[in-house]
């Protein structure tokens, strides 16, 4: 039997310290005679994209050991290749939001076993101008917390680091002190123009851990456009948060629609966050779904319309 080739990309800075030696155990799981595994570590932002662009096409499987930001880089590299190679996600970041959505175990041995089981699904991603995002593009209040929280704090505390860094204590003051962005938003079924405090275009069941989205399918060919507006007083912000907890998106303060494309035109430059990392400053954004962009190893669950298994 001819061995299959795996490329293991590891972000050595991601996640808590007690996971740092785990990649060596992963290599053992993907070992001869079934697998030959090459290990590459990232040294700076963008390395994972460069590695996949340069050598990814030579492999039968790409393994990503890192957080959601590392996976984003891997996918941006993958989308430049002529071959769509399946991806195995070994979540070792501080939050691993996408892994939670996909049902991928956060214990690396278990996630490796899931990949070896052969269960995988086609997954839709978004294209944001000339970049790709795996699960969310967002702007506005608190969207910078993910990349402005110190890495050492994230490594030590995981998701709690974001809470300590001000999400709970500062949320309502941030909502009220944030200057809304005037935007024109064009989507499949309409156009809306208003002042917005927060917005996201996503393929996930949760936005920031606060807003839960219903009826999401990860390979249905649609993105979820979610926008927050009309927060002028303390009472407005508190009212919005109460509605968010109840998942009551009334179309007044909070609107959510399914769409394949979104065109956003802003009055001034706006900073964006893509998959938890800084996504650049943009005034005009063209966003669209990329259906069935690649296959990712994940268990069968109700978020996928059609499950595939080797």
C-alpha atoms as a PDB file:
ATOM      1  CA  UNK A   1       0.000   0.000   0.000  1.00  0.00           C
ATOM      2  CA  UNK A   2       1.374   3.366  -1.013  1.00  0.00           C
ATOM      3  CA  UNK A   3       1.622   5.839   1.833  1.00  0.00           C
ATOM      4  CA  UNK A   4      -0.435   9.023   1.738  1.00  0.00           C
ATOM      5  CA  UNK A   5       1.267  12.346   2.403  1.00  0.00           C
ATOM      6  CA  UNK A   6       0.139  14.784   5.086  1.00  0.00           C
ATOM      7  CA  UNK A   7       1.332  18.338   5.660  1.00  0.00           C
ATOM      8  CA  UNK A   8       1.082  19.322   9.327  1.00  0.00           C
ATOM      9  CA  UNK A   9       1.179  23.093   9.898  1.00  0.00           C
ATOM     10  CA  UNK A  10       1.665  24.102  13.527  1.00  0.00           C
ATOM     11  CA  UNK A  11       1.353  27.539  15.081  1.00  0.00           C
ATOM     12  CA  UNK A  12       3.679  27.175  18.109  1.00  0.00           C
ATOM     13  CA  UNK A  13       2.299  30.334  19.738  1.00  0.00           C
ATOM     14  CA  UNK A  14      -1.369  29.328  19.687  1.00  0.00           C
ATOM     15  CA  UNK A  15      -3.249  28.115  22.709  1.00  0.00           C
ATOM     16  CA  UNK A  16      -2.399  27.166  26.223  1.00  0.00           C
ATOM     17  CA  UNK A  17       1.056  26.027  27.210  1.00  0.00           C
ATOM     18  CA  UNK A  18      -0.057  22.504  28.096  1.00  0.00           C
ATOM     19  CA  UNK A  19      -0.770  21.798  24.412  1.00  0.00           C
ATOM     20  CA  UNK A  20       2.635  22.809  23.083  1.00  0.00           C
ATOM     21  CA  UNK A  21       4.099  19.266  22.846  1.00  0.00           C
ATOM     22  CA  UNK A  22       0.952  17.780  21.308  1.00  0.00           C
ATOM     23  CA  UNK A  23       2.066  18.142  17.635  1.00  0.00           C
ATOM     24  CA  UNK A  24       4.682  15.442  18.203  1.00  0.00           C
ATOM     25  CA  UNK A  25       1.883  13.099  19.250  1.00  0.00           C
ATOM     26  CA  UNK A  26      -0.056  14.064  16.117  1.00  0.00           C
ATOM     27  CA  UNK A  27       2.896  13.081  13.931  1.00  0.00           C
ATOM     28  CA  UNK A  28       2.894   9.677  15.591  1.00  0.00           C
ATOM     29  CA  UNK A  29      -0.780   9.198  14.695  1.00  0.00           C
ATOM     30  CA  UNK A  30      -0.109  10.021  11.040  1.00  0.00           C
ATOM     31  CA  UNK A  31       2.904   7.764  10.619  1.00  0.00           C
ATOM     32  CA  UNK A  32       4.056   5.047   8.198  1.00  0.00           C
ATOM     33  CA  UNK A  33       3.007   2.835   6.594  1.00  0.00           C
ATOM     34  CA  UNK A  34      -0.341   4.603   6.046  1.00  0.00           C
ATOM     35  CA  UNK A  35       0.971   8.167   6.287  1.00  0.00           C
ATOM     36  CA  UNK A  36       4.130  10.155   5.718  1.00  0.00           C
ATOM     37  CA  UNK A  37       3.830  13.447   7.560  1.00  0.00           C
ATOM     38  CA  UNK A  38       5.901  16.579   7.080  1.00  0.00           C
ATOM     39  CA  UNK A  39       5.851  19.103   9.925  1.00  0.00           C
ATOM     40  CA  UNK A  40       6.083  22.854   9.298  1.00  0.00           C
ATOM     41  CA  UNK A  41       5.879  25.501  12.034  1.00  0.00           C
ATOM     42  CA  UNK A  42       4.812  29.087  11.462  1.00  0.00           C
ATOM     43  CA  UNK A  43       7.105  31.914  12.505  1.00  0.00           C
ATOM     44  CA  UNK A  44       5.029  34.987  11.760  1.00  0.00           C
ATOM     45  CA  UNK A  45       1.598  36.070  10.587  1.00  0.00           C
ATOM     46  CA  UNK A  46       0.856  34.859   7.071  1.00  0.00           C
ATOM     47  CA  UNK A  47       3.303  31.929   7.185  1.00  0.00           C
ATOM     48  CA  UNK A  48       0.594  29.271   6.995  1.00  0.00           C
ATOM     49  CA  UNK A  49      -0.782  30.825   3.800  1.00  0.00           C
ATOM     50  CA  UNK A  50       2.700  30.924   2.248  1.00  0.00           C
ATOM     51  CA  UNK A  51       3.448  27.306   3.180  1.00  0.00           C
ATOM     52  CA  UNK A  52       0.214  26.021   1.639  1.00  0.00           C
ATOM     53  CA  UNK A  53       0.707  28.090  -1.520  1.00  0.00           C
ATOM     54  CA  UNK A  54       4.250  26.816  -1.985  1.00  0.00           C
ATOM     55  CA  UNK A  55       3.954  23.107  -1.185  1.00  0.00           C
ATOM     56  CA  UNK A  56       0.326  22.276  -0.355  1.00  0.00           C
ATOM     57  CA  UNK A  57      -0.459  20.787  -3.765  1.00  0.00           C
ATOM     58  CA  UNK A  58       2.056  17.996  -3.119  1.00  0.00           C
ATOM     59  CA  UNK A  59      -0.021  16.503  -0.287  1.00  0.00           C
ATOM     60  CA  UNK A  60      -3.136  14.390   0.171  1.00  0.00           C
ATOM     61  CA  UNK A  61      -4.116  16.055   3.449  1.00  0.00           C
ATOM     62  CA  UNK A  62      -3.403  19.367   5.155  1.00  0.00           C
ATOM     63  CA  UNK A  63      -3.448  19.319   8.944  1.00  0.00           C
ATOM     64  CA  UNK A  64      -3.794  22.634  10.767  1.00  0.00           C
ATOM     65  CA  UNK A  65      -2.756  22.714  14.418  1.00  0.00           C
ATOM     66  CA  UNK A  66      -3.521  26.182  15.767  1.00  0.00           C
ATOM     67  CA  UNK A  67      -6.439  28.517  16.326  1.00  0.00           C
ATOM     68  CA  UNK A  68      -9.101  29.907  14.038  1.00  0.00           C
ATOM     69  CA  UNK A  69      -6.667  32.537  12.736  1.00  0.00           C
ATOM     70  CA  UNK A  70      -4.194  29.845  11.669  1.00  0.00           C
ATOM     71  CA  UNK A  71      -6.973  27.927   9.946  1.00  0.00           C
ATOM     72  CA  UNK A  72      -7.957  31.130   8.129  1.00  0.00           C
ATOM     73  CA  UNK A  73      -4.409  31.399   6.770  1.00  0.00           C
ATOM     74  CA  UNK A  74      -4.407  27.755   5.690  1.00  0.00           C
ATOM     75  CA  UNK A  75      -7.682  28.218   3.802  1.00  0.00           C
ATOM     76  CA  UNK A  76      -6.430  31.386   2.096  1.00  0.00           C
ATOM     77  CA  UNK A  77      -3.485  29.356   0.839  1.00  0.00           C
ATOM     78  CA  UNK A  78      -5.680  26.417  -0.137  1.00  0.00           C
ATOM     79  CA  UNK A  79      -7.936  28.611  -2.287  1.00  0.00           C
ATOM     80  CA  UNK A  80      -4.988  29.457  -4.567  1.00  0.00           C
ATOM     81  CA  UNK A  81      -4.356  25.797  -5.460  1.00  0.00           C
ATOM     82  CA  UNK A  82      -5.762  23.933  -8.435  1.00  0.00           C
ATOM     83  CA  UNK A  83      -6.391  20.912  -6.206  1.00  0.00           C
ATOM     84  CA  UNK A  84      -8.857  21.178  -3.343  1.00  0.00           C
ATOM     85  CA  UNK A  85      -7.119  19.150  -0.664  1.00  0.00           C
ATOM     86  CA  UNK A  86      -9.126  18.102   2.416  1.00  0.00           C
ATOM     87  CA  UNK A  87      -8.289  19.859   5.670  1.00  0.00           C
ATOM     88  CA  UNK A  88      -8.000  18.398   9.140  1.00  0.00           C
ATOM     89  CA  UNK A  89      -8.391  20.931  11.951  1.00  0.00           C
ATOM     90  CA  UNK A  90      -6.540  20.195  15.202  1.00  0.00           C
ATOM     91  CA  UNK A  91      -7.781  23.074  17.390  1.00  0.00           C
ATOM     92  CA  UNK A  92      -5.146  24.371  19.787  1.00  0.00           C
ATOM     93  CA  UNK A  93      -6.073  28.065  19.990  1.00  0.00           C
ATOM     94  CA  UNK A  94      -7.496  29.929  22.949  1.00  0.00           C
ATOM     95  CA  UNK A  95     -11.161  29.804  21.878  1.00  0.00           C
ATOM     96  CA  UNK A  96     -11.537  27.615  18.766  1.00  0.00           C
ATOM     97  CA  UNK A  97     -15.005  28.924  17.890  1.00  0.00           C
ATOM     98  CA  UNK A  98     -15.137  27.184  14.529  1.00  0.00           C
ATOM     99  CA  UNK A  99     -14.188  23.840  16.045  1.00  0.00           C
ATOM    100  CA  UNK A 100     -17.108  24.196  18.464  1.00  0.00           C
ATOM    101  CA  UNK A 101     -19.497  24.871  15.584  1.00  0.00           C
ATOM    102  CA  UNK A 102     -18.192  21.917  13.571  1.00  0.00           C
ATOM    103  CA  UNK A 103     -18.224  19.564  16.538  1.00  0.00           C
ATOM    104  CA  UNK A 104     -14.478  18.961  16.365  1.00  0.00           C
ATOM    105  CA  UNK A 105     -13.048  17.804  19.722  1.00  0.00           C
ATOM    106  CA  UNK A 106     -10.679  20.261  21.383  1.00  0.00           C
ATOM    107  CA  UNK A 107      -8.543  17.450  22.769  1.00  0.00           C
ATOM    108  CA  UNK A 108      -5.954  17.020  20.034  1.00  0.00           C
ATOM    109  CA  UNK A 109      -5.778  13.241  20.215  1.00  0.00           C
ATOM    110  CA  UNK A 110      -9.552  13.011  19.751  1.00  0.00           C
ATOM    111  CA  UNK A 111      -9.534  15.481  16.860  1.00  0.00           C
ATOM    112  CA  UNK A 112      -6.754  13.465  15.188  1.00  0.00           C
ATOM    113  CA  UNK A 113      -8.811  10.291  15.604  1.00  0.00           C
ATOM    114  CA  UNK A 114     -11.788  12.043  14.000  1.00  0.00           C
ATOM    115  CA  UNK A 115      -9.631  12.901  10.971  1.00  0.00           C
ATOM    116  CA  UNK A 116      -8.391   9.323  10.725  1.00  0.00           C
ATOM    117  CA  UNK A 117     -11.996   8.080  10.819  1.00  0.00           C
ATOM    118  CA  UNK A 118     -12.508   9.655   7.381  1.00  0.00           C
ATOM    119  CA  UNK A 119     -15.641  11.623   8.259  1.00  0.00           C
ATOM    120  CA  UNK A 120     -15.696  14.900   6.396  1.00  0.00           C
ATOM    121  CA  UNK A 121     -18.104  17.473   5.039  1.00  0.00           C
ATOM    122  CA  UNK A 122     -18.103  20.116   2.337  1.00  0.00           C
ATOM    123  CA  UNK A 123     -17.941  23.553   3.896  1.00  0.00           C
ATOM    124  CA  UNK A 124     -18.910  27.000   2.563  1.00  0.00           C
ATOM    125  CA  UNK A 125     -16.659  29.981   3.188  1.00  0.00           C
ATOM    126  CA  UNK A 126     -16.932  33.706   2.499  1.00  0.00           C
ATOM    127  CA  UNK A 127     -14.881  35.882   0.181  1.00  0.00           C
ATOM    128  CA  UNK A 128     -14.214  39.411   1.475  1.00  0.00           C
ATOM    129  CA  UNK A 129     -12.861  41.512  -1.379  1.00  0.00           C
ATOM    130  CA  UNK A 130      -9.713  39.537  -2.272  1.00  0.00           C
ATOM    131  CA  UNK A 131      -9.473  37.521   0.962  1.00  0.00           C
ATOM    132  CA  UNK A 132     -11.354  34.563   2.380  1.00  0.00           C
ATOM    133  CA  UNK A 133     -12.862  33.985   5.806  1.00  0.00           C
ATOM    134  CA  UNK A 134     -13.898  30.623   7.177  1.00  0.00           C
ATOM    135  CA  UNK A 135     -16.719  31.688   9.468  1.00  0.00           C
ATOM    136  CA  UNK A 136     -17.079  35.432  10.115  1.00  0.00           C
ATOM    137  CA  UNK A 137     -16.273  38.945   8.919  1.00  0.00           C
ATOM    138  CA  UNK A 138     -17.328  41.701  11.312  1.00  0.00           C
ATOM    139  CA  UNK A 139     -16.980  45.381  12.185  1.00  0.00           C
ATOM    140  CA  UNK A 140     -17.996  47.646  15.030  1.00  0.00           C
ATOM    141  CA  UNK A 141     -18.221  47.457  18.794  1.00  0.00           C
ATOM    142  CA  UNK A 142     -15.858  45.006  20.550  1.00  0.00           C
ATOM    143  CA  UNK A 143     -14.783  43.255  17.341  1.00  0.00           C
ATOM    144  CA  UNK A 144     -11.168  44.176  18.077  1.00  0.00           C
ATOM    145  CA  UNK A 145     -11.105  42.354  21.427  1.00  0.00           C
ATOM    146  CA  UNK A 146     -10.063  39.095  19.802  1.00  0.00           C
ATOM    147  CA  UNK A 147      -6.826  40.469  18.369  1.00  0.00           C
ATOM    148  CA  UNK A 148      -6.175  43.225  20.933  1.00  0.00           C
ATOM    149  CA  UNK A 149      -6.230  40.859  23.902  1.00  0.00           C
ATOM    150  CA  UNK A 150      -2.588  40.030  24.819  1.00  0.00           C
ATOM    151  CA  UNK A 151      -1.451  36.642  23.520  1.00  0.00           C
ATOM    152  CA  UNK A 152       0.011  35.667  26.894  1.00  0.00           C
ATOM    153  CA  UNK A 153      -3.352  36.286  28.546  1.00  0.00           C
ATOM    154  CA  UNK A 154      -5.121  34.203  25.888  1.00  0.00           C
ATOM    155  CA  UNK A 155      -2.604  31.385  26.316  1.00  0.00           C
ATOM    156  CA  UNK A 156      -3.119  31.329  30.069  1.00  0.00           C
ATOM    157  CA  UNK A 157      -6.871  31.861  30.325  1.00  0.00           C
ATOM    158  CA  UNK A 158      -8.417  30.892  27.006  1.00  0.00           C
ATOM    159  CA  UNK A 159     -11.868  32.379  26.350  1.00  0.00           C
ATOM    160  CA  UNK A 160     -11.925  33.959  29.818  1.00  0.00           C
ATOM    161  CA  UNK A 161      -9.181  36.334  28.652  1.00  0.00           C
ATOM    162  CA  UNK A 162     -11.650  38.157  26.413  1.00  0.00           C
ATOM    163  CA  UNK A 163     -14.084  38.540  29.270  1.00  0.00           C
ATOM    164  CA  UNK A 164     -11.378  39.867  31.596  1.00  0.00           C
ATOM    165  CA  UNK A 165     -10.103  42.179  28.889  1.00  0.00           C
ATOM    166  CA  UNK A 166     -13.358  44.032  29.057  1.00  0.00           C
ATOM    167  CA  UNK A 167     -16.160  42.333  27.139  1.00  0.00           C
ATOM    168  CA  UNK A 168     -18.595  42.225  30.070  1.00  0.00           C
ATOM    169  CA  UNK A 169     -17.550  45.336  31.978  1.00  0.00           C
ATOM    170  CA  UNK A 170     -17.070  47.542  28.933  1.00  0.00           C
ATOM    171  CA  UNK A 171     -19.764  46.266  26.596  1.00  0.00           C
ATOM    172  CA  UNK A 172     -22.546  48.794  27.283  1.00  0.00           C
ATOM    173  CA  UNK A 173     -20.095  51.759  27.571  1.00  0.00           C
ATOM    174  CA  UNK A 174     -18.515  50.630  24.288  1.00  0.00           C
ATOM    175  CA  UNK A 175     -21.913  50.454  22.639  1.00  0.00           C
ATOM    176  CA  UNK A 176     -22.805  53.957  23.741  1.00  0.00           C
ATOM    177  CA  UNK A 177     -19.423  55.585  23.101  1.00  0.00           C
ATOM    178  CA  UNK A 178     -18.868  53.943  19.736  1.00  0.00           C
ATOM    179  CA  UNK A 179     -19.605  56.266  16.858  1.00  0.00           C
ATOM    180  CA  UNK A 180     -21.925  54.399  14.473  1.00  0.00           C
ATOM    181  CA  UNK A 181     -20.897  53.880  10.887  1.00  0.00           C
ATOM    182  CA  UNK A 182     -23.203  55.118   8.152  1.00  0.00           C
ATOM    183  CA  UNK A 183     -23.469  52.400   5.534  1.00  0.00           C
ATOM    184  CA  UNK A 184     -25.397  51.400   2.491  1.00  0.00           C
ATOM    185  CA  UNK A 185     -25.849  47.637   2.484  1.00  0.00           C
ATOM    186  CA  UNK A 186     -27.036  45.830  -0.615  1.00  0.00           C
ATOM    187  CA  UNK A 187     -27.925  42.149  -0.344  1.00  0.00           C
ATOM    188  CA  UNK A 188     -29.839  39.584  -2.406  1.00  0.00           C
ATOM    189  CA  UNK A 189     -33.337  40.718  -1.472  1.00  0.00           C
ATOM    190  CA  UNK A 190     -32.949  44.375  -0.616  1.00  0.00           C
ATOM    191  CA  UNK A 191     -31.050  47.500   0.311  1.00  0.00           C
ATOM    192  CA  UNK A 192     -30.761  49.187   3.709  1.00  0.00           C
ATOM    193  CA  UNK A 193     -28.994  52.437   4.569  1.00  0.00           C
ATOM    194  CA  UNK A 194     -28.541  53.500   8.189  1.00  0.00           C
ATOM    195  CA  UNK A 195     -26.087  54.054  11.062  1.00  0.00           C
ATOM    196  CA  UNK A 196     -24.763  50.746  12.363  1.00  0.00           C
ATOM    197  CA  UNK A 197     -22.964  49.895  15.619  1.00  0.00           C
ATOM    198  CA  UNK A 198     -22.075  46.335  14.714  1.00  0.00           C
ATOM    199  CA  UNK A 199     -22.329  44.062  11.744  1.00  0.00           C
ATOM    200  CA  UNK A 200     -21.265  40.587  10.685  1.00  0.00           C
ATOM    201  CA  UNK A 201     -21.443  38.365   7.659  1.00  0.00           C
ATOM    202  CA  UNK A 202     -20.986  34.808   8.799  1.00  0.00           C
ATOM    203  CA  UNK A 203     -21.376  31.085   8.399  1.00  0.00           C
ATOM    204  CA  UNK A 204     -21.625  30.137  12.061  1.00  0.00           C
ATOM    205  CA  UNK A 205     -24.193  29.563  14.781  1.00  0.00           C
ATOM    206  CA  UNK A 206     -22.787  32.159  17.188  1.00  0.00           C
ATOM    207  CA  UNK A 207     -21.502  35.701  16.760  1.00  0.00           C
ATOM    208  CA  UNK A 208     -19.126  36.766  19.519  1.00  0.00           C
ATOM    209  CA  UNK A 209     -20.669  34.240  21.882  1.00  0.00           C
ATOM    210  CA  UNK A 210     -23.542  36.698  22.461  1.00  0.00           C
ATOM    211  CA  UNK A 211     -25.753  36.470  19.395  1.00  0.00           C
ATOM    212  CA  UNK A 212     -27.019  32.977  18.603  1.00  0.00           C
ATOM    213  CA  UNK A 213     -28.164  32.446  15.026  1.00  0.00           C
ATOM    214  CA  UNK A 214     -30.923  29.994  14.137  1.00  0.00           C
ATOM    215  CA  UNK A 215     -31.441  27.839  11.054  1.00  0.00           C
ATOM    216  CA  UNK A 216     -27.791  27.993  10.011  1.00  0.00           C
ATOM    217  CA  UNK A 217     -26.505  25.375   7.597  1.00  0.00           C
ATOM    218  CA  UNK A 218     -22.799  25.322   6.920  1.00  0.00           C
ATOM    219  CA  UNK A 219     -23.070  24.185   3.308  1.00  0.00           C
ATOM    220  CA  UNK A 220     -26.366  25.643   2.069  1.00  0.00           C
ATOM    221  CA  UNK A 221     -24.821  28.291  -0.193  1.00  0.00           C
ATOM    222  CA  UNK A 222     -25.854  31.206   2.038  1.00  0.00           C
ATOM    223  CA  UNK A 223     -24.238  33.608   4.484  1.00  0.00           C
ATOM    224  CA  UNK A 224     -26.021  35.222   7.437  1.00  0.00           C
ATOM    225  CA  UNK A 225     -25.995  39.035   7.377  1.00  0.00           C
ATOM    226  CA  UNK A 226     -26.519  40.420  10.891  1.00  0.00           C
ATOM    227  CA  UNK A 227     -26.625  44.144  11.732  1.00  0.00           C
ATOM    228  CA  UNK A 228     -27.211  46.192  14.913  1.00  0.00           C
ATOM    229  CA  UNK A 229     -28.506  49.767  14.744  1.00  0.00           C
ATOM    230  CA  UNK A 230     -30.522  52.350  16.693  1.00  0.00           C
ATOM    231  CA  UNK A 231     -28.618  52.483  20.004  1.00  0.00           C
ATOM    232  CA  UNK A 232     -28.863  56.072  21.247  1.00  0.00           C
ATOM    233  CA  UNK A 233     -29.452  55.676  24.988  1.00  0.00           C
ATOM    234  CA  UNK A 234     -28.521  53.328  27.838  1.00  0.00           C
ATOM    235  CA  UNK A 235     -32.004  51.879  27.628  1.00  0.00           C
ATOM    236  CA  UNK A 236     -31.519  51.058  23.948  1.00  0.00           C
ATOM    237  CA  UNK A 237     -28.307  49.128  24.629  1.00  0.00           C
ATOM    238  CA  UNK A 238     -29.822  47.213  27.541  1.00  0.00           C
ATOM    239  CA  UNK A 239     -32.936  46.465  25.496  1.00  0.00           C
ATOM    240  CA  UNK A 240     -30.799  45.155  22.656  1.00  0.00           C
ATOM    241  CA  UNK A 241     -28.812  42.884  24.978  1.00  0.00           C
ATOM    242  CA  UNK A 242     -32.003  41.458  26.488  1.00  0.00           C
ATOM    243  CA  UNK A 243     -33.345  40.736  23.006  1.00  0.00           C
ATOM    244  CA  UNK A 244     -30.047  39.119  22.044  1.00  0.00           C
ATOM    245  CA  UNK A 245     -30.298  36.747  24.998  1.00  0.00           C
ATOM    246  CA  UNK A 246     -33.823  35.789  23.879  1.00  0.00           C
ATOM    247  CA  UNK A 247     -32.715  35.570  20.227  1.00  0.00           C
ATOM    248  CA  UNK A 248     -35.423  38.115  19.409  1.00  0.00           C
ATOM    249  CA  UNK A 249     -34.092  39.799  16.273  1.00  0.00           C
ATOM    250  CA  UNK A 250     -36.901  42.249  15.599  1.00  0.00           C
ATOM    251  CA  UNK A 251     -35.641  43.854  12.393  1.00  0.00           C
ATOM    252  CA  UNK A 252     -35.551  47.262  14.104  1.00  0.00           C
ATOM    253  CA  UNK A 253     -32.489  47.243  16.352  1.00  0.00           C
ATOM    254  CA  UNK A 254     -31.232  43.948  14.983  1.00  0.00           C
ATOM    255  CA  UNK A 255     -31.746  42.539  11.506  1.00  0.00           C
ATOM    256  CA  UNK A 256     -30.667  39.184  10.151  1.00  0.00           C
ATOM    257  CA  UNK A 257     -31.100  37.844   6.618  1.00  0.00           C
ATOM    258  CA  UNK A 258     -29.711  35.036   4.496  1.00  0.00           C
ATOM    259  CA  UNK A 259     -27.894  36.132   1.378  1.00  0.00           C
ATOM    260  CA  UNK A 260     -25.366  34.980  -1.195  1.00  0.00           C
ATOM    261  CA  UNK A 261     -23.803  38.395  -1.781  1.00  0.00           C
ATOM    262  CA  UNK A 262     -23.369  41.624   0.171  1.00  0.00           C
ATOM    263  CA  UNK A 263     -22.079  44.963  -1.051  1.00  0.00           C
ATOM    264  CA  UNK A 264     -21.244  47.508   1.662  1.00  0.00           C
ATOM    265  CA  UNK A 265     -20.465  51.152   0.967  1.00  0.00           C
ATOM    266  CA  UNK A 266     -19.267  53.275   3.911  1.00  0.00           C
ATOM    267  CA  UNK A 267     -18.849  57.020   4.391  1.00  0.00           C
ATOM    268  CA  UNK A 268     -15.328  56.477   5.727  1.00  0.00           C
ATOM    269  CA  UNK A 269     -12.751  53.747   6.256  1.00  0.00           C
ATOM    270  CA  UNK A 270     -13.814  51.015   8.685  1.00  0.00           C
ATOM    271  CA  UNK A 271     -11.622  48.407  10.441  1.00  0.00           C
ATOM    272  CA  UNK A 272     -12.785  44.817   9.947  1.00  0.00           C
ATOM    273  CA  UNK A 273     -12.119  41.563  11.761  1.00  0.00           C
ATOM    274  CA  UNK A 274     -11.858  38.282   9.823  1.00  0.00           C
ATOM    275  CA  UNK A 275     -12.030  35.057  11.837  1.00  0.00           C
ATOM    276  CA  UNK A 276     -10.875  36.854  14.976  1.00  0.00           C
ATOM    277  CA  UNK A 277      -7.893  38.591  13.356  1.00  0.00           C
ATOM    278  CA  UNK A 278      -7.446  42.113  12.004  1.00  0.00           C
ATOM    279  CA  UNK A 279      -8.847  42.124   8.480  1.00  0.00           C
ATOM    280  CA  UNK A 280      -7.738  45.548   7.297  1.00  0.00           C
ATOM    281  CA  UNK A 281      -9.417  48.927   6.899  1.00  0.00           C
ATOM    282  CA  UNK A 282     -11.987  49.134   4.137  1.00  0.00           C
ATOM    283  CA  UNK A 283     -14.465  51.664   2.800  1.00  0.00           C
ATOM    284  CA  UNK A 284     -16.097  49.439   0.168  1.00  0.00           C
ATOM    285  CA  UNK A 285     -16.620  45.724   0.648  1.00  0.00           C
ATOM    286  CA  UNK A 286     -17.830  43.029  -1.740  1.00  0.00           C
ATOM    287  CA  UNK A 287     -18.646  39.846   0.118  1.00  0.00           C
ATOM    288  CA  UNK A 288     -19.920  36.589  -1.325  1.00  0.00           C
ATOM    289  CA  UNK A 289     -20.375  32.953  -0.484  1.00  0.00           C
ATOM    290  CA  UNK A 290     -18.017  30.332  -1.919  1.00  0.00           C
ATOM    291  CA  UNK A 291     -20.136  27.155  -1.873  1.00  0.00           C
ATOM    292  CA  UNK A 292     -18.480  23.836  -1.076  1.00  0.00           C
ATOM    293  CA  UNK A 293     -15.099  25.554  -0.989  1.00  0.00           C
ATOM    294  CA  UNK A 294     -13.290  22.563   0.509  1.00  0.00           C
ATOM    295  CA  UNK A 295     -13.794  19.460   2.616  1.00  0.00           C
ATOM    296  CA  UNK A 296     -13.049  19.563   6.329  1.00  0.00           C
ATOM    297  CA  UNK A 297     -12.895  16.535   8.580  1.00  0.00           C
ATOM    298  CA  UNK A 298     -15.831  16.780  10.953  1.00  0.00           C
ATOM    299  CA  UNK A 299     -18.437  14.507  12.431  1.00  0.00           C
ATOM    300  CA  UNK A 300     -21.914  14.191  10.978  1.00  0.00           C
ATOM    301  CA  UNK A 301     -24.235  16.782  12.482  1.00  0.00           C
ATOM    302  CA  UNK A 302     -27.428  18.645  11.657  1.00  0.00           C
ATOM    303  CA  UNK A 303     -25.557  21.768  10.507  1.00  0.00           C
ATOM    304  CA  UNK A 304     -24.570  20.027   7.271  1.00  0.00           C
ATOM    305  CA  UNK A 305     -27.149  19.397   4.573  1.00  0.00           C
ATOM    306  CA  UNK A 306     -25.368  16.363   3.130  1.00  0.00           C
ATOM    307  CA  UNK A 307     -22.804  14.349   4.987  1.00  0.00           C
ATOM    308  CA  UNK A 308     -19.950  12.558   3.247  1.00  0.00           C
ATOM    309  CA  UNK A 309     -17.944   9.759   4.702  1.00  0.00           C
ATOM    310  CA  UNK A 310     -15.050   7.820   3.223  1.00  0.00           C
END
